[in-house]
Protein backbone atom coordinates (compact mmCIF):
# COMPACT_ATOMS: atom_id res chain seq x y z
CA MET A 1 0.00 0.00 0.00
CA LYS A 2 1.34 3.42 -0.94
CA SER A 3 1.68 6.00 1.81
CA ASN A 4 -0.01 9.38 1.32
CA THR A 5 2.53 11.04 3.59
CA GLU A 6 4.24 13.94 1.85
CA VAL A 7 8.00 13.89 2.26
CA LYS A 8 9.39 17.37 2.93
CA THR A 9 13.07 17.17 3.72
CA LYS A 10 14.68 20.08 5.54
CA MET A 11 18.25 20.91 6.50
CA MET A 12 18.32 20.85 10.29
CA TYR A 13 20.69 20.86 13.24
CA VAL A 14 20.17 17.71 15.30
CA SER A 15 21.69 16.77 18.64
CA PHE A 16 21.53 13.27 20.09
CA CYS A 17 22.18 13.16 23.85
CA ASP A 18 22.57 9.99 25.89
CA ILE A 19 21.99 10.30 29.64
CA LEU A 20 24.90 8.40 31.16
CA GLY A 21 24.20 6.08 34.07
CA PHE A 22 20.43 6.35 33.66
CA SER A 23 19.87 2.60 33.19
CA ASN A 24 21.92 1.90 36.30
CA ALA A 25 19.91 4.49 38.23
CA ILE A 26 16.65 2.82 37.17
CA GLU A 27 17.90 -0.56 38.40
CA ASN A 28 19.14 0.76 41.76
CA ASN A 29 16.60 3.46 42.61
CA PHE A 30 13.57 3.27 40.35
CA GLU A 31 11.23 5.57 42.29
CA ASP A 32 13.68 8.48 42.61
CA THR A 33 14.76 8.06 38.99
CA VAL A 34 11.14 8.30 37.85
CA LYS A 35 10.85 11.59 39.77
CA ILE A 36 13.94 12.94 38.01
CA TYR A 37 12.54 11.74 34.69
CA LEU A 38 9.28 13.61 35.25
CA GLU A 39 11.21 16.75 36.24
CA LEU A 40 13.27 16.37 33.06
CA LYS A 41 10.04 16.22 31.08
CA GLU A 42 8.95 19.53 32.64
CA GLU A 43 12.35 21.07 31.87
CA VAL A 44 12.06 19.89 28.27
CA LEU A 45 8.66 21.60 27.99
CA ASN A 46 10.42 24.86 28.92
CA ILE A 47 13.19 24.23 26.41
CA VAL A 48 10.60 23.68 23.70
CA LYS A 49 9.73 27.35 24.19
CA ILE A 50 13.05 28.23 22.58
CA ASP A 51 12.08 29.49 19.15
CA GLY A 52 12.08 26.80 16.47
CA VAL A 53 13.47 24.02 18.69
CA SER A 54 11.79 20.66 19.31
CA VAL A 55 12.94 18.21 21.98
CA SER A 56 11.99 14.54 22.29
CA ILE A 57 12.85 12.07 25.05
CA TYR A 58 13.12 8.35 24.37
CA SER A 59 14.01 6.46 27.57
CA ASP A 60 17.59 7.66 28.30
CA ALA A 61 18.08 9.49 24.99
CA ILE A 62 17.19 13.10 24.16
CA ILE A 63 16.92 14.44 20.62
CA VAL A 64 17.04 18.18 19.93
CA VAL A 65 16.09 19.48 16.47
CA GLY A 66 16.07 22.98 15.06
CA LYS A 67 16.90 25.17 12.08
CA ASP A 68 18.84 27.78 14.02
CA PHE A 69 22.29 26.66 15.22
CA ALA A 70 22.44 29.03 18.21
CA ASN A 71 18.99 28.01 19.48
CA VAL A 72 19.81 24.29 19.29
CA VAL A 73 23.07 24.90 21.16
CA GLU A 74 21.19 26.85 23.85
CA ALA A 75 18.71 23.98 24.28
CA VAL A 76 21.54 21.46 24.61
CA LYS A 77 23.24 23.64 27.24
CA GLN A 78 20.06 23.80 29.31
CA ILE A 79 19.64 20.01 29.14
CA TYR A 80 23.26 19.55 30.24
CA TRP A 81 22.80 21.88 33.21
CA PHE A 82 19.62 20.17 34.33
CA CYS A 83 21.15 16.69 34.16
CA LEU A 84 24.26 17.69 36.13
CA LEU A 85 21.98 19.28 38.72
CA HIS A 86 20.76 15.71 39.33
CA ASP A 87 24.26 14.20 39.27
CA LEU A 88 23.80 12.92 35.73
CA LEU A 89 26.07 13.56 32.76
CA ILE A 90 25.18 13.45 29.08
CA ARG A 91 27.25 12.48 26.08
CA GLY A 92 26.32 13.10 22.49
CA GLY A 93 26.83 14.71 19.14
CA LEU A 94 25.51 17.69 17.23
CA ALA A 95 25.29 17.46 13.43
CA TYR A 96 23.70 19.20 10.45
CA GLY A 97 21.99 17.57 7.49
CA LYS A 98 18.81 16.41 5.80
CA HIS A 99 15.99 15.71 8.21
CA TRP A 100 12.42 14.49 7.84
CA SER A 101 9.89 13.74 10.56
CA ASN A 102 6.16 13.14 10.68
CA VAL A 103 3.50 12.21 13.23
CA GLU A 104 1.22 9.53 11.82
CA ASN A 105 -1.50 7.72 13.80
CA GLY A 106 0.20 8.63 17.05
CA SER A 107 3.60 7.37 15.90
CA ILE A 108 6.61 9.62 15.28
CA LEU A 109 8.48 8.83 12.09
CA ILE A 110 12.03 10.16 11.65
CA LEU A 111 14.48 9.84 8.78
CA SER A 112 17.53 12.00 9.36
CA GLU A 113 21.10 11.96 8.10
CA ALA A 114 21.87 14.58 10.76
CA LEU A 115 20.57 12.25 13.49
CA VAL A 116 22.56 9.31 12.10
CA GLU A 117 25.76 11.39 12.26
CA ALA A 118 24.95 12.71 15.75
CA VAL A 119 24.47 9.13 17.00
CA LYS A 120 27.80 8.11 15.40
CA ILE A 121 29.53 10.95 17.24
CA GLU A 122 27.93 9.87 20.53
CA LYS A 123 29.15 6.30 20.01
CA SER A 124 32.70 7.39 19.22
CA ILE A 125 33.20 10.13 21.79
CA LYS A 126 34.74 9.04 25.10
CA HIS A 127 33.91 12.10 27.17
CA PRO A 128 30.66 13.39 28.76
CA ILE A 129 30.21 16.27 26.32
CA ILE A 130 28.12 17.17 23.29
CA ALA A 131 30.69 17.19 20.49
CA VAL A 132 30.07 19.24 17.36
CA SER A 133 30.43 17.56 13.98
CA GLU A 134 33.65 18.44 12.15
CA LYS A 135 31.45 19.20 9.13
CA ILE A 136 29.92 22.19 10.91
CA ASN A 137 31.87 25.39 10.33
CA ILE A 138 31.78 27.28 13.62
CA PRO A 139 32.17 31.01 12.89
CA ILE A 140 35.14 32.93 14.34
CA GLU A 141 32.71 35.15 16.24
CA ALA A 142 31.62 32.17 18.35
CA TRP A 143 35.16 31.86 19.74
CA MET A 144 35.67 35.57 20.48
CA PRO A 145 34.32 35.49 24.08
CA HIS A 146 37.35 33.33 24.97
CA CYS A 147 39.62 36.18 23.85
CA GLU A 148 37.65 38.71 25.87
CA GLY A 149 37.89 36.82 29.17
CA ALA A 150 34.24 35.87 28.93
CA VAL A 151 34.44 32.09 28.56
CA PHE A 152 30.98 31.61 30.09
CA ASN A 153 29.49 33.57 27.19
CA ALA A 154 31.18 31.31 24.66
CA PRO A 155 28.86 28.72 23.09
CA PHE A 156 31.74 26.29 22.48
CA ILE A 157 34.95 25.01 24.04
CA ASN A 158 37.84 23.29 22.28
CA TYR A 159 39.85 20.79 24.31
CA ASP A 160 41.78 17.68 23.23
CA GLU A 161 41.14 18.84 19.64
CA ILE A 162 37.37 18.46 20.09
CA ASN A 163 34.82 21.25 19.60
CA PHE A 164 31.92 20.82 22.00
CA VAL A 165 29.01 22.73 23.50
CA ASN A 166 30.19 24.76 26.51
CA PRO A 167 28.68 23.00 29.56
CA PHE A 168 29.54 25.78 32.02
CA ASN A 169 28.05 29.13 32.95
CA ALA A 170 28.96 31.86 35.42
CA PHE A 171 26.05 31.21 37.77
CA TRP A 172 26.87 27.64 38.70
CA PHE A 173 30.51 27.12 37.69
CA ARG A 174 31.64 26.51 41.28
CA SER A 175 28.61 24.30 41.92
CA ALA A 176 29.44 22.24 38.81
CA GLU A 177 32.98 21.73 40.08
CA MET A 178 31.69 20.58 43.48
CA ARG A 179 29.24 18.15 41.90
CA LEU A 180 31.89 16.66 39.63
CA LYS A 181 34.24 16.17 42.58
CA HIS A 182 31.40 14.53 44.50
CA LEU A 183 30.71 12.17 41.57
CA LEU A 184 34.42 11.41 41.31
CA LYS A 185 34.38 10.10 44.90
CA LYS A 186 30.97 8.47 44.58
CA ILE A 187 31.67 6.57 41.34
CA PRO A 188 35.47 6.09 41.16
CA ASN A 189 35.23 3.45 38.40
CA HIS A 190 34.20 6.26 36.04
CA SER A 191 36.84 8.67 37.33
CA HIS A 192 38.21 9.44 33.84
CA LYS A 193 34.89 11.11 32.86
CA TYR A 194 34.89 13.47 35.82
CA GLU A 195 38.63 14.13 35.77
CA TRP A 196 38.45 15.18 32.12
CA LEU A 197 35.82 17.82 32.89
CA LEU A 198 37.65 18.90 36.06
CA ASN A 199 40.79 19.45 33.96
CA ILE A 200 38.80 21.86 31.79
CA ILE A 201 37.59 23.67 34.90
CA GLU A 202 41.21 24.17 35.97
CA LYS A 203 42.02 25.55 32.50
CA ILE A 204 39.14 28.01 32.81
CA LYS A 205 40.35 29.13 36.24
CA ILE A 206 43.72 30.17 34.81
CA ASP A 207 42.05 31.91 31.83
CA ASP A 208 43.39 29.45 29.28
CA VAL A 209 42.06 30.20 25.79
CA LEU A 210 40.18 27.03 24.85
CA ILE A 211 39.85 27.51 21.09
CA PRO A 212 41.07 25.47 18.08
CA ASP A 213 44.70 25.92 17.00
CA ASP A 214 43.74 27.25 13.55
CA VAL A 215 41.46 29.88 15.12
CA PHE A 216 44.18 30.77 17.66
CA ASN A 217 46.76 31.25 14.90
CA TYR A 218 44.34 33.30 12.79
CA LEU A 219 43.61 35.62 15.73
CA LEU A 220 47.34 35.97 16.39
CA GLU A 221 47.90 37.04 12.78
CA LYS A 222 45.09 39.58 13.04
CA GLY A 223 46.46 40.96 16.30
CA VAL A 224 43.38 40.02 18.29
CA LEU A 225 45.54 37.80 20.52
CA THR A 226 49.09 38.43 21.70
CA TYR A 227 51.38 35.48 22.31
CA ILE A 228 53.10 35.51 25.69
CA ASP A 229 55.92 33.04 26.27
CA LYS A 230 55.48 31.81 29.83
CA GLY A 231 58.59 29.60 29.60
């Protein structure tokens, strides 16, 4: 039987976020985890108010879709903050590409090359971050807050040669550090995840410029940055 569904493909930004440790939390503390899950649903309803962004939750996975890059990034940041508030970390990818979705008889149908790439990034990344696809050209302007001593206004951080959504903000930076140190003690078998983020926190404290090498060199050439030899 032929479907009457009209296929309208759009170019969209899609982020796939996996909530780390959620399955384990369900097994060990189902009732409290359900409460967190319901709170997450409420938080998602607020995020949906971001212009042009849709958010879906499937068990321990969150999918964010939107046409505007900045709005999708803002939604991802809010999800990250909420999860860490409940001692949960997320890992995922953010990609751009053809995307089609449709609601039919109560079922959500999705065909998306952007989602496929975002899932691939999530599977390959080792750290609890939302990594940005290498195919996405992040504009120089997005890195400028790092050069102005305003890292918390920067949408992205580059560390270990990975561009990822900045998980920190000025209002809860110290709280994030405390929570990560608490998780490090609480779950030592996953220490590498927390130590990696804590290393970034230390870099931020000393005003390290966490931008890609090519952007750093470009800004040096333009005189926006001045190289200081600390050796």
